Amino acid sequence: QVQLVESGGGLVQAGGSLRLSCVASGSTFSIKVMGWYRQAPGKQRELVATVGSGGSTNYADSVKGRFTISRDNAKNTVYLQMNSLKPEDTAVYYCNSRLPTSPKGSWGQGTQVTVSS
């Protein structure tokens, strides 16, 4: 099973930036769809962004133009660059790795992002 380790979370003021990283174990990283999801207190986990094996990206409307997802297959790492952060971006951010044909996949332990107003 793939192990995912996230890092880069923290406390930032509104308007600030953070970059999250997620390192995956295993040798099949390059074929996986990698994604970032988030869960705020009292809310369901929601999609933030995904990046496919070929580099195609998908974003939630709420983060378009502010967040950028990218991947480095040589380092088995996926990134989430978050700019112009808002208090409503406060959540635990989770990394996900799945095969293109699978709806589920593996999850990391999560990293807390807190944006103060």
PDB file of N, CA and C in Angstrom:
ATOM      1  N   GLN A   1       0.837  -1.193   0.000  1.00  0.00           N
ATOM      2  CA  GLN A   1       0.000   0.000   0.000  1.00  0.00           C
ATOM      3  C   GLN A   1       0.873   1.245   0.000  1.00  0.00           C
ATOM      4  N   VAL A   2       0.434   2.248  -0.746  1.00  0.00           N
ATOM      5  CA  VAL A   2       1.187   3.489  -0.844  1.00  0.00           C
ATOM      6  C   VAL A   2       1.117   4.241   0.481  1.00  0.00           C
ATOM      7  N   GLN A   3       2.259   4.768   0.896  1.00  0.00           N
ATOM      8  CA  GLN A   3       2.287   5.651   2.069  1.00  0.00           C
ATOM      9  C   GLN A   3       2.516   7.079   1.595  1.00  0.00           C
ATOM     10  N   LEU A   4       1.742   7.996   2.151  1.00  0.00           N
ATOM     11  CA  LEU A   4       1.807   9.396   1.760  1.00  0.00           C
ATOM     12  C   LEU A   4       2.124  10.234   2.988  1.00  0.00           C
ATOM     13  N   VAL A   5       3.082  11.125   2.869  1.00  0.00           N
ATOM     14  CA  VAL A   5       3.467  11.981   3.988  1.00  0.00           C
ATOM     15  C   VAL A   5       3.388  13.437   3.549  1.00  0.00           C
ATOM     16  N   GLU A   6       2.461  14.167   4.174  1.00  0.00           N
ATOM     17  CA  GLU A   6       2.281  15.579   3.851  1.00  0.00           C
ATOM     18  C   GLU A   6       3.125  16.459   4.771  1.00  0.00           C
ATOM     19  N   SER A   7       3.453  17.625   4.285  1.00  0.00           N
ATOM     20  CA  SER A   7       4.150  18.628   5.098  1.00  0.00           C
ATOM     21  C   SER A   7       3.867  20.006   4.528  1.00  0.00           C
ATOM     22  N   GLY A   8       4.213  21.027   5.299  1.00  0.00           N
ATOM     23  CA  GLY A   8       4.093  22.390   4.801  1.00  0.00           C
ATOM     24  C   GLY A   8       2.940  23.198   5.366  1.00  0.00           C
ATOM     25  N   GLY A   9       2.098  22.569   6.150  1.00  0.00           N
ATOM     26  CA  GLY A   9       0.993  23.309   6.740  1.00  0.00           C
ATOM     27  C   GLY A   9       1.481  24.270   7.815  1.00  0.00           C
ATOM     28  N   GLY A  10       0.565  25.111   8.289  1.00  0.00           N
ATOM     29  CA  GLY A  10       0.925  26.050   9.341  1.00  0.00           C
ATOM     30  C   GLY A  10      -0.093  27.145   9.486  1.00  0.00           C
ATOM     31  N   LEU A  11       0.303  28.175  10.220  1.00  0.00           N
ATOM     32  CA  LEU A  11      -0.551  29.339  10.466  1.00  0.00           C
ATOM     33  C   LEU A  11      -0.056  30.499   9.606  1.00  0.00           C
ATOM     34  N   VAL A  12      -0.986  31.122   8.898  1.00  0.00           N
ATOM     35  CA  VAL A  12      -0.624  32.236   8.015  1.00  0.00           C
ATOM     36  C   VAL A  12      -1.735  33.265   8.052  1.00  0.00           C
ATOM     37  N   GLN A  13      -1.375  34.512   7.837  1.00  0.00           N
ATOM     38  CA  GLN A  13      -2.386  35.568   7.782  1.00  0.00           C
ATOM     39  C   GLN A  13      -3.095  35.560   6.435  1.00  0.00           C
ATOM     40  N   ALA A  14      -4.304  36.065   6.428  1.00  0.00           N
ATOM     41  CA  ALA A  14      -5.050  36.186   5.175  1.00  0.00           C
ATOM     42  C   ALA A  14      -4.229  36.967   4.153  1.00  0.00           C
ATOM     43  N   GLY A  15      -4.251  36.465   2.926  1.00  0.00           N
ATOM     44  CA  GLY A  15      -3.461  37.065   1.867  1.00  0.00           C
ATOM     45  C   GLY A  15      -2.091  36.446   1.705  1.00  0.00           C
ATOM     46  N   GLY A  16      -1.704  35.615   2.652  1.00  0.00           N
ATOM     47  CA  GLY A  16      -0.400  34.977   2.608  1.00  0.00           C
ATOM     48  C   GLY A  16      -0.376  33.729   1.747  1.00  0.00           C
ATOM     49  N   SER A  17       0.771  33.059   1.767  1.00  0.00           N
ATOM     50  CA  SER A  17       0.981  31.881   0.933  1.00  0.00           C
ATOM     51  C   SER A  17       1.576  30.738   1.743  1.00  0.00           C
ATOM     52  N   LEU A  18       1.285  29.527   1.303  1.00  0.00           N
ATOM     53  CA  LEU A  18       1.902  28.311   1.831  1.00  0.00           C
ATOM     54  C   LEU A  18       2.087  27.346   0.675  1.00  0.00           C
ATOM     55  N   ARG A  19       3.075  26.464   0.811  1.00  0.00           N
ATOM     56  CA  ARG A  19       3.230  25.378  -0.159  1.00  0.00           C
ATOM     57  C   ARG A  19       3.227  24.056   0.586  1.00  0.00           C
ATOM     58  N   LEU A  20       2.277  23.229   0.216  1.00  0.00           N
ATOM     59  CA  LEU A  20       2.190  21.885   0.785  1.00  0.00           C
ATOM     60  C   LEU A  20       2.937  20.904  -0.107  1.00  0.00           C
ATOM     61  N   SER A  21       3.525  19.898   0.534  1.00  0.00           N
ATOM     62  CA  SER A  21       4.209  18.826  -0.189  1.00  0.00           C
ATOM     63  C   SER A  21       3.676  17.490   0.284  1.00  0.00           C
ATOM     64  N   CYS A  22       3.690  16.526  -0.609  1.00  0.00           N
ATOM     65  CA  CYS A  22       3.268  15.167  -0.268  1.00  0.00           C
ATOM     66  C   CYS A  22       4.216  14.203  -0.974  1.00  0.00           C
ATOM     67  N   VAL A  23       4.941  13.430  -0.177  1.00  0.00           N
ATOM     68  CA  VAL A  23       5.871  12.446  -0.722  1.00  0.00           C
ATOM     69  C   VAL A  23       5.235  11.074  -0.641  1.00  0.00           C
ATOM     70  N   ALA A  24       5.270  10.345  -1.762  1.00  0.00           N
ATOM     71  CA  ALA A  24       4.656   9.024  -1.840  1.00  0.00           C
ATOM     72  C   ALA A  24       5.714   7.936  -1.910  1.00  0.00           C
ATOM     73  N   SER A  25       5.414   6.811  -1.269  1.00  0.00           N
ATOM     74  CA  SER A  25       6.298   5.661  -1.378  1.00  0.00           C
ATOM     75  C   SER A  25       5.924   4.864  -2.618  1.00  0.00           C
ATOM     76  N   GLY A  26       6.782   3.927  -2.994  1.00  0.00           N
ATOM     77  CA  GLY A  26       6.458   3.034  -4.092  1.00  0.00           C
ATOM     78  C   GLY A  26       7.035   3.482  -5.419  1.00  0.00           C
ATOM     79  N   SER A  27       6.878   2.603  -6.404  1.00  0.00           N
ATOM     80  CA  SER A  27       7.511   2.824  -7.702  1.00  0.00           C
ATOM     81  C   SER A  27       6.517   3.158  -8.805  1.00  0.00           C
ATOM     82  N   THR A  28       5.252   3.329  -8.455  1.00  0.00           N
ATOM     83  CA  THR A  28       4.244   3.577  -9.489  1.00  0.00           C
ATOM     84  C   THR A  28       3.677   4.977  -9.424  1.00  0.00           C
ATOM     85  N   PHE A  29       4.410   5.889  -8.782  1.00  0.00           N
ATOM     86  CA  PHE A  29       3.908   7.256  -8.588  1.00  0.00           C
ATOM     87  C   PHE A  29       3.520   7.897  -9.912  1.00  0.00           C
ATOM     88  N   SER A  30       4.322   7.700 -10.943  1.00  0.00           N
ATOM     89  CA  SER A  30       4.130   8.430 -12.194  1.00  0.00           C
ATOM     90  C   SER A  30       2.806   8.120 -12.880  1.00  0.00           C
ATOM     91  N   ILE A  31       2.212   6.981 -12.590  1.00  0.00           N
ATOM     92  CA  ILE A  31       0.955   6.623 -13.254  1.00  0.00           C
ATOM     93  C   ILE A  31      -0.267   6.975 -12.418  1.00  0.00           C
ATOM     94  N   LYS A  32      -0.032   7.460 -11.208  1.00  0.00           N
ATOM     95  CA  LYS A  32      -1.129   7.743 -10.295  1.00  0.00           C
ATOM     96  C   LYS A  32      -1.731   9.135 -10.544  1.00  0.00           C
ATOM     97  N   VAL A  33      -3.007   9.237 -10.258  1.00  0.00           N
ATOM     98  CA  VAL A  33      -3.661  10.535 -10.153  1.00  0.00           C
ATOM     99  C   VAL A  33      -3.429  11.010  -8.719  1.00  0.00           C
ATOM    100  N   MET A  34      -2.840  12.170  -8.577  1.00  0.00           N
ATOM    101  CA  MET A  34      -2.554  12.713  -7.253  1.00  0.00           C
ATOM    102  C   MET A  34      -3.499  13.873  -6.974  1.00  0.00           C
ATOM    103  N   GLY A  35      -3.937  13.947  -5.728  1.00  0.00           N
ATOM    104  CA  GLY A  35      -4.891  15.003  -5.409  1.00  0.00           C
ATOM    105  C   GLY A  35      -4.702  15.555  -4.009  1.00  0.00           C
ATOM    106  N   TRP A  36      -5.218  16.743  -3.842  1.00  0.00           N
ATOM    107  CA  TRP A  36      -5.308  17.378  -2.531  1.00  0.00           C
ATOM    108  C   TRP A  36      -6.784  17.578  -2.198  1.00  0.00           C
ATOM    109  N   TYR A  37      -7.141  17.212  -0.992  1.00  0.00           N
ATOM    110  CA  TYR A  37      -8.483  17.399  -0.467  1.00  0.00           C
ATOM    111  C   TYR A  37      -8.370  18.130   0.863  1.00  0.00           C
ATOM    112  N   ARG A  38      -9.476  18.682   1.331  1.00  0.00           N
ATOM    113  CA  ARG A  38      -9.442  19.350   2.625  1.00  0.00           C
ATOM    114  C   ARG A  38     -10.733  19.104   3.387  1.00  0.00           C
ATOM    115  N   GLN A  39     -10.618  19.190   4.705  1.00  0.00           N
ATOM    116  CA  GLN A  39     -11.785  19.015   5.558  1.00  0.00           C
ATOM    117  C   GLN A  39     -11.732  20.045   6.674  1.00  0.00           C
ATOM    118  N   ALA A  40     -12.726  20.907   6.671  1.00  0.00           N
ATOM    119  CA  ALA A  40     -12.855  21.912   7.717  1.00  0.00           C
ATOM    120  C   ALA A  40     -13.717  21.343   8.849  1.00  0.00           C
ATOM    121  N   PRO A  41     -13.594  21.888  10.052  1.00  0.00           N
ATOM    122  CA  PRO A  41     -14.384  21.375  11.182  1.00  0.00           C
ATOM    123  C   PRO A  41     -15.877  21.392  10.877  1.00  0.00           C
ATOM    124  N   GLY A  42     -16.529  20.268  11.107  1.00  0.00           N
ATOM    125  CA  GLY A  42     -17.965  20.181  10.893  1.00  0.00           C
ATOM    126  C   GLY A  42     -18.397  20.054   9.458  1.00  0.00           C
ATOM    127  N   LYS A  43     -17.440  19.920   8.545  1.00  0.00           N
ATOM    128  CA  LYS A  43     -17.766  19.824   7.126  1.00  0.00           C
ATOM    129  C   LYS A  43     -17.219  18.533   6.540  1.00  0.00           C
ATOM    130  N   GLN A  44     -17.750  18.172   5.385  1.00  0.00           N
ATOM    131  CA  GLN A  44     -17.262  16.977   4.697  1.00  0.00           C
ATOM    132  C   GLN A  44     -15.947  17.281   3.982  1.00  0.00           C
ATOM    133  N   ARG A  45     -15.189  16.216   3.757  1.00  0.00           N
ATOM    134  CA  ARG A  45     -13.959  16.354   2.997  1.00  0.00           C
ATOM    135  C   ARG A  45     -14.319  16.741   1.559  1.00  0.00           C
ATOM    136  N   GLU A  46     -13.570  17.685   1.001  1.00  0.00           N
ATOM    137  CA  GLU A  46     -13.859  18.150  -0.345  1.00  0.00           C
ATOM    138  C   GLU A  46     -12.601  18.193  -1.196  1.00  0.00           C
ATOM    139  N   LEU A  47     -12.822  18.050  -2.494  1.00  0.00           N
ATOM    140  CA  LEU A  47     -11.725  18.120  -3.448  1.00  0.00           C
ATOM    141  C   LEU A  47     -11.182  19.529  -3.531  1.00  0.00           C
ATOM    142  N   VAL A  48      -9.852  19.653  -3.545  1.00  0.00           N
ATOM    143  CA  VAL A  48      -9.207  20.936  -3.785  1.00  0.00           C
ATOM    144  C   VAL A  48      -8.642  20.957  -5.203  1.00  0.00           C
ATOM    145  N   ALA A  49      -7.827  19.950  -5.532  1.00  0.00           N
ATOM    146  CA  ALA A  49      -7.203  19.906  -6.855  1.00  0.00           C
ATOM    147  C   ALA A  49      -6.655  18.516  -7.118  1.00  0.00           C
ATOM    148  N   THR A  50      -6.588  18.151  -8.399  1.00  0.00           N
ATOM    149  CA  THR A  50      -5.960  16.899  -8.806  1.00  0.00           C
ATOM    150  C   THR A  50      -5.021  17.164  -9.975  1.00  0.00           C
ATOM    151  N   VAL A  51      -4.050  16.259 -10.115  1.00  0.00           N
ATOM    152  CA  VAL A  51      -3.151  16.300 -11.270  1.00  0.00           C
ATOM    153  C   VAL A  51      -2.977  14.880 -11.768  1.00  0.00           C
ATOM    154  N   GLY A  52      -3.205  14.681 -13.055  1.00  0.00           N
ATOM    155  CA  GLY A  52      -3.093  13.359 -13.648  1.00  0.00           C
ATOM    156  C   GLY A  52      -1.661  13.011 -14.009  1.00  0.00           C
ATOM    157  N   SER A  53      -1.505  11.769 -14.483  1.00  0.00           N
ATOM    158  CA  SER A  53      -0.166  11.298 -14.832  1.00  0.00           C
ATOM    159  C   SER A  53       0.443  12.116 -15.961  1.00  0.00           C
ATOM    160  N   GLY A  54      -0.400  12.647 -16.826  1.00  0.00           N
ATOM    161  CA  GLY A  54       0.094  13.456 -17.938  1.00  0.00           C
ATOM    162  C   GLY A  54       0.185  14.932 -17.635  1.00  0.00           C
ATOM    163  N   GLY A  55      -0.165  15.298 -16.407  1.00  0.00           N
ATOM    164  CA  GLY A  55      -0.058  16.694 -15.995  1.00  0.00           C
ATOM    165  C   GLY A  55      -1.341  17.482 -16.066  1.00  0.00           C
ATOM    166  N   SER A  56      -2.419  16.864 -16.507  1.00  0.00           N
ATOM    167  CA  SER A  56      -3.695  17.592 -16.557  1.00  0.00           C
ATOM    168  C   SER A  56      -4.166  17.894 -15.141  1.00  0.00           C
ATOM    169  N   THR A  57      -4.740  19.057 -14.951  1.00  0.00           N
ATOM    170  CA  THR A  57      -5.134  19.498 -13.616  1.00  0.00           C
ATOM    171  C   THR A  57      -6.624  19.809 -13.543  1.00  0.00           C
ATOM    172  N   ASN A  58      -7.130  19.736 -12.329  1.00  0.00           N
ATOM    173  CA  ASN A  58      -8.530  20.038 -12.071  1.00  0.00           C
ATOM    174  C   ASN A  58      -8.600  20.737 -10.717  1.00  0.00           C
ATOM    175  N   TYR A  59      -9.407  21.796 -10.624  1.00  0.00           N
ATOM    176  CA  TYR A  59      -9.478  22.583  -9.399  1.00  0.00           C
ATOM    177  C   TYR A  59     -10.919  22.803  -8.967  1.00  0.00           C
ATOM    178  N   ALA A  60     -11.103  22.897  -7.674  1.00  0.00           N
ATOM    179  CA  ALA A  60     -12.387  23.350  -7.159  1.00  0.00           C
ATOM    180  C   ALA A  60     -12.549  24.825  -7.516  1.00  0.00           C
ATOM    181  N   ASP A  61     -13.784  25.231  -7.773  1.00  0.00           N
ATOM    182  CA  ASP A  61     -14.031  26.625  -8.155  1.00  0.00           C
ATOM    183  C   ASP A  61     -13.520  27.597  -7.098  1.00  0.00           C
ATOM    184  N   SER A  62     -13.591  27.197  -5.851  1.00  0.00           N
ATOM    185  CA  SER A  62     -13.233  28.099  -4.749  1.00  0.00           C
ATOM    186  C   SER A  62     -11.737  28.422  -4.685  1.00  0.00           C
ATOM    187  N   VAL A  63     -10.913  27.630  -5.376  1.00  0.00           N
ATOM    188  CA  VAL A  63      -9.462  27.860  -5.311  1.00  0.00           C
ATOM    189  C   VAL A  63      -8.858  28.218  -6.668  1.00  0.00           C
ATOM    190  N   LYS A  64      -9.661  28.204  -7.715  1.00  0.00           N
ATOM    191  CA  LYS A  64      -9.139  28.526  -9.050  1.00  0.00           C
ATOM    192  C   LYS A  64      -8.520  29.914  -9.059  1.00  0.00           C
ATOM    193  N   GLY A  65      -7.339  30.010  -9.660  1.00  0.00           N
ATOM    194  CA  GLY A  65      -6.652  31.282  -9.738  1.00  0.00           C
ATOM    195  C   GLY A  65      -5.803  31.598  -8.517  1.00  0.00           C
ATOM    196  N   ARG A  66      -5.966  30.824  -7.452  1.00  0.00           N
ATOM    197  CA  ARG A  66      -5.183  31.062  -6.231  1.00  0.00           C
ATOM    198  C   ARG A  66      -4.243  29.901  -5.904  1.00  0.00           C
ATOM    199  N   PHE A  67      -4.696  28.686  -6.186  1.00  0.00           N
ATOM    200  CA  PHE A  67      -3.911  27.486  -5.864  1.00  0.00           C
ATOM    201  C   PHE A  67      -3.380  26.860  -7.156  1.00  0.00           C
ATOM    202  N   THR A  68      -2.194  26.250  -7.045  1.00  0.00           N
ATOM    203  CA  THR A  68      -1.606  25.536  -8.175  1.00  0.00           C
ATOM    204  C   THR A  68      -1.085  24.186  -7.695  1.00  0.00           C
ATOM    205  N   ILE A  69      -1.550  23.123  -8.349  1.00  0.00           N
ATOM    206  CA  ILE A  69      -1.066  21.784  -8.047  1.00  0.00           C
ATOM    207  C   ILE A  69      -0.019  21.407  -9.091  1.00  0.00           C
ATOM    208  N   SER A  70       1.023  20.718  -8.636  1.00  0.00           N
ATOM    209  CA  SER A  70       2.064  20.261  -9.558  1.00  0.00           C
ATOM    210  C   SER A  70       2.667  18.977  -9.013  1.00  0.00           C
ATOM    211  N   ARG A  71       3.409  18.285  -9.867  1.00  0.00           N
ATOM    212  CA  ARG A  71       4.022  17.035  -9.451  1.00  0.00           C
ATOM    213  C   ARG A  71       5.437  16.934  -9.997  1.00  0.00           C
ATOM    214  N   ASP A  72       6.284  16.223  -9.246  1.00  0.00           N
ATOM    215  CA  ASP A  72       7.643  15.929  -9.669  1.00  0.00           C
ATOM    216  C   ASP A  72       7.792  14.418  -9.581  1.00  0.00           C
ATOM    217  N   ASN A  73       7.678  13.740 -10.716  1.00  0.00           N
ATOM    218  CA  ASN A  73       7.717  12.280 -10.716  1.00  0.00           C
ATOM    219  C   ASN A  73       9.082  11.743 -10.281  1.00  0.00           C
ATOM    220  N   ALA A  74      10.137  12.489 -10.535  1.00  0.00           N
ATOM    221  CA  ALA A  74      11.470  12.037 -10.126  1.00  0.00           C
ATOM    222  C   ALA A  74      11.618  12.005  -8.606  1.00  0.00           C
ATOM    223  N   LYS A  75      10.809  12.813  -7.910  1.00  0.00           N
ATOM    224  CA  LYS A  75      10.877  12.876  -6.451  1.00  0.00           C
ATOM    225  C   LYS A  75       9.662  12.239  -5.776  1.00  0.00           C
ATOM    226  N   ASN A  76       8.779  11.639  -6.580  1.00  0.00           N
ATOM    227  CA  ASN A  76       7.552  11.047  -6.009  1.00  0.00           C
ATOM    228  C   ASN A  76       6.799  12.058  -5.139  1.00  0.00           C
ATOM    229  N   THR A  77       6.716  13.275  -5.601  1.00  0.00           N
ATOM    230  CA  THR A  77       6.160  14.346  -4.786  1.00  0.00           C
ATOM    231  C   THR A  77       5.117  15.144  -5.564  1.00  0.00           C
ATOM    232  N   VAL A  78       4.060  15.505  -4.849  1.00  0.00           N
ATOM    233  CA  VAL A  78       3.047  16.407  -5.389  1.00  0.00           C
ATOM    234  C   VAL A  78       2.998  17.631  -4.486  1.00  0.00           C
ATOM    235  N   TYR A  79       2.800  18.782  -5.100  1.00  0.00           N
ATOM    236  CA  TYR A  79       2.804  20.050  -4.376  1.00  0.00           C
ATOM    237  C   TYR A  79       1.461  20.755  -4.531  1.00  0.00           C
ATOM    238  N   LEU A  80       1.181  21.609  -3.556  1.00  0.00           N
ATOM    239  CA  LEU A  80       0.039  22.509  -3.673  1.00  0.00           C
ATOM    240  C   LEU A  80       0.515  23.892  -3.237  1.00  0.00           C
ATOM    241  N   GLN A  81       0.681  24.767  -4.213  1.00  0.00           N
ATOM    242  CA  GLN A  81       1.044  26.150  -3.926  1.00  0.00           C
ATOM    243  C   GLN A  81      -0.246  26.928  -3.683  1.00  0.00           C
ATOM    244  N   MET A  82      -0.347  27.521  -2.511  1.00  0.00           N
ATOM    245  CA  MET A  82      -1.563  28.232  -2.119  1.00  0.00           C
ATOM    246  C   MET A  82      -1.233  29.701  -1.907  1.00  0.00           C
ATOM    247  N   ASN A  83      -1.810  30.544  -2.734  1.00  0.00           N
ATOM    248  CA  ASN A  83      -1.605  31.990  -2.647  1.00  0.00           C
ATOM    249  C   ASN A  83      -2.914  32.676  -2.296  1.00  0.00           C
ATOM    250  N   SER A  84      -2.820  33.925  -1.869  1.00  0.00           N
ATOM    251  CA  SER A  84      -4.004  34.720  -1.533  1.00  0.00           C
ATOM    252  C   SER A  84      -4.933  33.944  -0.611  1.00  0.00           C
ATOM    253  N   LEU A  85      -4.370  33.376   0.412  1.00  0.00           N
ATOM    254  CA  LEU A  85      -5.156  32.533   1.311  1.00  0.00           C
ATOM    255  C   LEU A  85      -6.224  33.332   2.049  1.00  0.00           C
ATOM    256  N   LYS A  86      -7.348  32.666   2.280  1.00  0.00           N
ATOM    257  CA  LYS A  86      -8.494  33.264   2.957  1.00  0.00           C
ATOM    258  C   LYS A  86      -8.807  32.465   4.230  1.00  0.00           C
ATOM    259  N   PRO A  87      -9.462  33.087   5.196  1.00  0.00           N
ATOM    260  CA  PRO A  87      -9.834  32.333   6.401  1.00  0.00           C
ATOM    261  C   PRO A  87     -10.650  31.078   6.089  1.00  0.00           C
ATOM    262  N   GLU A  88     -11.445  31.113   5.045  1.00  0.00           N
ATOM    263  CA  GLU A  88     -12.254  29.947   4.691  1.00  0.00           C
ATOM    264  C   GLU A  88     -11.432  28.810   4.089  1.00  0.00           C
ATOM    265  N   ASP A  89     -10.141  29.031   3.859  1.00  0.00           N
ATOM    266  CA  ASP A  89      -9.265  27.942   3.421  1.00  0.00           C
ATOM    267  C   ASP A  89      -8.758  27.122   4.608  1.00  0.00           C
ATOM    268  N   THR A  90      -9.056  27.561   5.814  1.00  0.00           N
ATOM    269  CA  THR A  90      -8.641  26.841   7.014  1.00  0.00           C
ATOM    270  C   THR A  90      -9.242  25.442   7.024  1.00  0.00           C
ATOM    271  N   ALA A  91      -8.378  24.438   7.143  1.00  0.00           N
ATOM    272  CA  ALA A  91      -8.819  23.041   7.107  1.00  0.00           C
ATOM    273  C   ALA A  91      -7.609  22.138   7.305  1.00  0.00           C
ATOM    274  N   VAL A  92      -7.887  20.858   7.468  1.00  0.00           N
ATOM    275  CA  VAL A  92      -6.835  19.844   7.366  1.00  0.00           C
ATOM    276  C   VAL A  92      -6.774  19.432   5.899  1.00  0.00           C
ATOM    277  N   TYR A  93      -5.592  19.490   5.347  1.00  0.00           N
ATOM    278  CA  TYR A  93      -5.386  19.160   3.933  1.00  0.00           C
ATOM    279  C   TYR A  93      -4.789  17.762   3.825  1.00  0.00           C
ATOM    280  N   TYR A  94      -5.412  16.948   2.975  1.00  0.00           N
ATOM    281  CA  TYR A  94      -5.019  15.563   2.805  1.00  0.00           C
ATOM    282  C   TYR A  94      -4.542  15.317   1.381  1.00  0.00           C
ATOM    283  N   CYS A  95      -3.507  14.504   1.274  1.00  0.00           N
ATOM    284  CA  CYS A  95      -3.007  14.054  -0.016  1.00  0.00           C
ATOM    285  C   CYS A  95      -3.658  12.719  -0.362  1.00  0.00           C
ATOM    286  N   ASN A  96      -3.970  12.530  -1.628  1.00  0.00           N
ATOM    287  CA  ASN A  96      -4.576  11.282  -2.095  1.00  0.00           C
ATOM    288  C   ASN A  96      -3.834  10.791  -3.319  1.00  0.00           C
ATOM    289  N   SER A  97      -3.679   9.478  -3.400  1.00  0.00           N
ATOM    290  CA  SER A  97      -3.023   8.840  -4.539  1.00  0.00           C
ATOM    291  C   SER A  97      -3.900   7.695  -5.012  1.00  0.00           C
ATOM    292  N   ARG A  98      -4.231   7.669  -6.300  1.00  0.00           N
ATOM    293  CA  ARG A  98      -5.077   6.584  -6.799  1.00  0.00           C
ATOM    294  C   ARG A  98      -4.723   6.277  -8.244  1.00  0.00           C
ATOM    295  N   LEU A  99      -5.060   5.070  -8.626  1.00  0.00           N
ATOM    296  CA  LEU A  99      -4.947   4.696 -10.032  1.00  0.00           C
ATOM    297  C   LEU A  99      -6.049   5.402 -10.814  1.00  0.00           C
ATOM    298  N   PRO A 100      -5.844   5.684 -12.067  1.00  0.00           N
ATOM    299  CA  PRO A 100      -6.869   6.378 -12.860  1.00  0.00           C
ATOM    300  C   PRO A 100      -8.203   5.649 -12.900  1.00  0.00           C
ATOM    301  N   THR A 101      -8.159   4.317 -12.750  1.00  0.00           N
ATOM    302  CA  THR A 101      -9.393   3.521 -12.832  1.00  0.00           C
ATOM    303  C   THR A 101     -10.027   3.272 -11.471  1.00  0.00           C
ATOM    304  N   SER A 102      -9.433   3.796 -10.415  1.00  0.00           N
ATOM    305  CA  SER A 102      -9.942   3.545  -9.063  1.00  0.00           C
ATOM    306  C   SER A 102     -10.493   4.828  -8.467  1.00  0.00           C
ATOM    307  N   PRO A 103     -11.656   4.778  -7.842  1.00  0.00           N
ATOM    308  CA  PRO A 103     -12.234   5.989  -7.245  1.00  0.00           C
ATOM    309  C   PRO A 103     -11.704   6.325  -5.863  1.00  0.00           C
ATOM    310  N   LYS A 104     -10.969   5.424  -5.242  1.00  0.00           N
ATOM    311  CA  LYS A 104     -10.571   5.659  -3.845  1.00  0.00           C
ATOM    312  C   LYS A 104      -9.082   5.949  -3.719  1.00  0.00           C
ATOM    313  N   GLY A 105      -8.251   4.960  -3.501  1.00  0.00           N
ATOM    314  CA  GLY A 105      -6.821   5.148  -3.366  1.00  0.00           C
ATOM    315  C   GLY A 105      -6.372   5.257  -1.925  1.00  0.00           C
ATOM    316  N   SER A 106      -5.197   5.846  -1.725  1.00  0.00           N
ATOM    317  CA  SER A 106      -4.583   5.965  -0.405  1.00  0.00           C
ATOM    318  C   SER A 106      -4.589   7.412   0.059  1.00  0.00           C
ATOM    319  N   TRP A 107      -4.584   7.571   1.395  1.00  0.00           N
ATOM    320  CA  TRP A 107      -4.620   8.904   1.998  1.00  0.00           C
ATOM    321  C   TRP A 107      -3.428   9.127   2.918  1.00  0.00           C
ATOM    322  N   GLY A 108      -2.988  10.359   2.982  1.00  0.00           N
ATOM    323  CA  GLY A 108      -1.999  10.740   3.970  1.00  0.00           C
ATOM    324  C   GLY A 108      -2.665  11.065   5.294  1.00  0.00           C
ATOM    325  N   GLN A 109      -1.834  11.460   6.266  1.00  0.00           N
ATOM    326  CA  GLN A 109      -2.357  11.716   7.611  1.00  0.00           C
ATOM    327  C   GLN A 109      -2.936  13.120   7.748  1.00  0.00           C
ATOM    328  N   GLY A 110      -2.655  13.972   6.800  1.00  0.00           N
ATOM    329  CA  GLY A 110      -3.196  15.326   6.813  1.00  0.00           C
ATOM    330  C   GLY A 110      -2.242  16.336   7.420  1.00  0.00           C
ATOM    331  N   THR A 111      -2.373  17.576   6.978  1.00  0.00           N
ATOM    332  CA  THR A 111      -1.586  18.678   7.533  1.00  0.00           C
ATOM    333  C   THR A 111      -2.515  19.875   7.736  1.00  0.00           C
ATOM    334  N   GLN A 112      -2.400  20.511   8.891  1.00  0.00           N
ATOM    335  CA  GLN A 112      -3.310  21.591   9.245  1.00  0.00           C
ATOM    336  C   GLN A 112      -2.876  22.901   8.601  1.00  0.00           C
ATOM    337  N   VAL A 113      -3.833  23.564   7.980  1.00  0.00           N
ATOM    338  CA  VAL A 113      -3.628  24.919   7.458  1.00  0.00           C
ATOM    339  C   VAL A 113      -4.614  25.835   8.163  1.00  0.00           C
ATOM    340  N   THR A 114      -4.101  26.868   8.797  1.00  0.00           N
ATOM    341  CA  THR A 114      -4.938  27.835   9.491  1.00  0.00           C
ATOM    342  C   THR A 114      -4.640  29.228   8.960  1.00  0.00           C
ATOM    343  N   VAL A 115      -5.692  29.898   8.501  1.00  0.00           N
ATOM    344  CA  VAL A 115      -5.549  31.238   7.945  1.00  0.00           C
ATOM    345  C   VAL A 115      -6.272  32.209   8.868  1.00  0.00           C
ATOM    346  N   SER A 116      -5.534  33.137   9.433  1.00  0.00           N
ATOM    347  CA  SER A 116      -6.130  34.097  10.356  1.00  0.00           C
ATOM    348  C   SER A 116      -6.549  35.364   9.611  1.00  0.00           C
ATOM    349  N   SER A 117      -7.614  35.974  10.105  1.00  0.00           N
ATOM    350  CA  SER A 117      -8.126  37.183   9.446  1.00  0.00           C
ATOM    351  C   SER A 117      -7.479  38.434  10.010  1.00  0.00           C
TER     352      SER A 117
END
